[in-house]
Amino acid sequence: MSASEKAKAQMEQVAGKAVRKAAHAMGKEDLAVKGAALEARGKARHVKEKGKGP
């Protein structure tokens, strides 16, 4: 897993979580769904990169 891909995956997870939590706090469920999707994309990228090996 390259360092840049690992950082990108982590950034997507963190950004998605922040968007999701902020949207829930403001009561904007459509934005919360987009944040959850971004977080899931980051997790999927992490799993994909982890599976590539050294």
C-alpha atoms as a PDB file:
ATOM      1  CA  MET A   1       0.000   0.000   0.000  1.00  0.00           C
ATOM      2  CA  SER A   2       1.639   3.197  -1.120  1.00  0.00           C
ATOM      3  CA  ALA A   3       1.819   6.040   1.352  1.00  0.00           C
ATOM      4  CA  SER A   4      -0.132   8.409  -0.892  1.00  0.00           C
ATOM      5  CA  GLU A   5      -2.975   5.939  -1.398  1.00  0.00           C
ATOM      6  CA  LYS A   6      -3.065   5.187   2.319  1.00  0.00           C
ATOM      7  CA  ALA A   7      -3.241   8.898   3.092  1.00  0.00           C
ATOM      8  CA  LYS A   8      -5.983   9.400   0.500  1.00  0.00           C
ATOM      9  CA  ALA A   9      -8.038   6.571   1.997  1.00  0.00           C
ATOM     10  CA  GLN A  10      -7.598   7.934   5.514  1.00  0.00           C
ATOM     11  CA  MET A  11      -8.489  11.462   4.398  1.00  0.00           C
ATOM     12  CA  GLU A  12     -11.697  10.269   2.733  1.00  0.00           C
ATOM     13  CA  GLN A  13     -12.700   8.416   5.888  1.00  0.00           C
ATOM     14  CA  VAL A  14     -12.027  11.399   8.148  1.00  0.00           C
ATOM     15  CA  ALA A  15     -13.705  13.895   5.813  1.00  0.00           C
ATOM     16  CA  GLY A  16     -16.730  11.648   5.370  1.00  0.00           C
ATOM     17  CA  LYS A  17     -17.135  11.182   9.090  1.00  0.00           C
ATOM     18  CA  ALA A  18     -16.865  14.934   9.707  1.00  0.00           C
ATOM     19  CA  VAL A  19     -19.419  15.740   6.999  1.00  0.00           C
ATOM     20  CA  ARG A  20     -21.783  13.054   8.277  1.00  0.00           C
ATOM     21  CA  LYS A  21     -21.630  14.215  11.899  1.00  0.00           C
ATOM     22  CA  ALA A  22     -21.974  17.899  11.007  1.00  0.00           C
ATOM     23  CA  ALA A  23     -24.913  17.187   8.723  1.00  0.00           C
ATOM     24  CA  HIS A  24     -26.688  15.172  11.421  1.00  0.00           C
ATOM     25  CA  ALA A  25     -26.160  18.030  13.863  1.00  0.00           C
ATOM     26  CA  MET A  26     -27.733  20.465  11.386  1.00  0.00           C
ATOM     27  CA  GLY A  27     -30.537  18.061  10.500  1.00  0.00           C
ATOM     28  CA  LYS A  28     -29.514  17.747   6.842  1.00  0.00           C
ATOM     29  CA  GLU A  29     -29.995  14.073   6.171  1.00  0.00           C
ATOM     30  CA  ASP A  30     -29.237  14.282   2.435  1.00  0.00           C
ATOM     31  CA  LEU A  31     -25.805  15.701   3.215  1.00  0.00           C
ATOM     32  CA  ALA A  32     -25.312  13.070   5.933  1.00  0.00           C
ATOM     33  CA  VAL A  33     -25.851  10.363   3.316  1.00  0.00           C
ATOM     34  CA  LYS A  34     -23.185  11.939   1.099  1.00  0.00           C
ATOM     35  CA  GLY A  35     -20.781  12.023   4.058  1.00  0.00           C
ATOM     36  CA  ALA A  36     -21.466   8.375   4.826  1.00  0.00           C
ATOM     37  CA  ALA A  37     -20.809   7.505   1.172  1.00  0.00           C
ATOM     38  CA  LEU A  38     -17.495   9.359   1.241  1.00  0.00           C
ATOM     39  CA  GLU A  39     -16.527   7.538   4.431  1.00  0.00           C
ATOM     40  CA  ALA A  40     -17.452   4.175   2.876  1.00  0.00           C
ATOM     41  CA  ARG A  41     -15.424   4.994  -0.236  1.00  0.00           C
ATOM     42  CA  GLY A  42     -12.391   5.684   1.961  1.00  0.00           C
ATOM     43  CA  LYS A  43     -12.845   2.388   3.766  1.00  0.00           C
ATOM     44  CA  ALA A  44     -13.199   0.521   0.469  1.00  0.00           C
ATOM     45  CA  ARG A  45     -10.056   2.185  -0.893  1.00  0.00           C
ATOM     46  CA  HIS A  46      -8.189   1.136   2.248  1.00  0.00           C
ATOM     47  CA  VAL A  47      -9.308  -2.491   1.882  1.00  0.00           C
ATOM     48  CA  LYS A  48      -8.383  -2.493  -1.822  1.00  0.00           C
ATOM     49  CA  GLU A  49      -4.932  -1.096  -1.181  1.00  0.00           C
ATOM     50  CA  LYS A  50      -4.361  -3.426   1.754  1.00  0.00           C
ATOM     51  CA  GLY A  51      -5.148  -6.390  -0.483  1.00  0.00           C
ATOM     52  CA  LYS A  52      -2.460  -5.415  -2.998  1.00  0.00           C
ATOM     53  CA  GLY A  53       0.261  -6.519  -0.640  1.00  0.00           C
ATOM     54  CA  PRO A  54       3.691  -5.002  -0.058  1.00  0.00           C
END
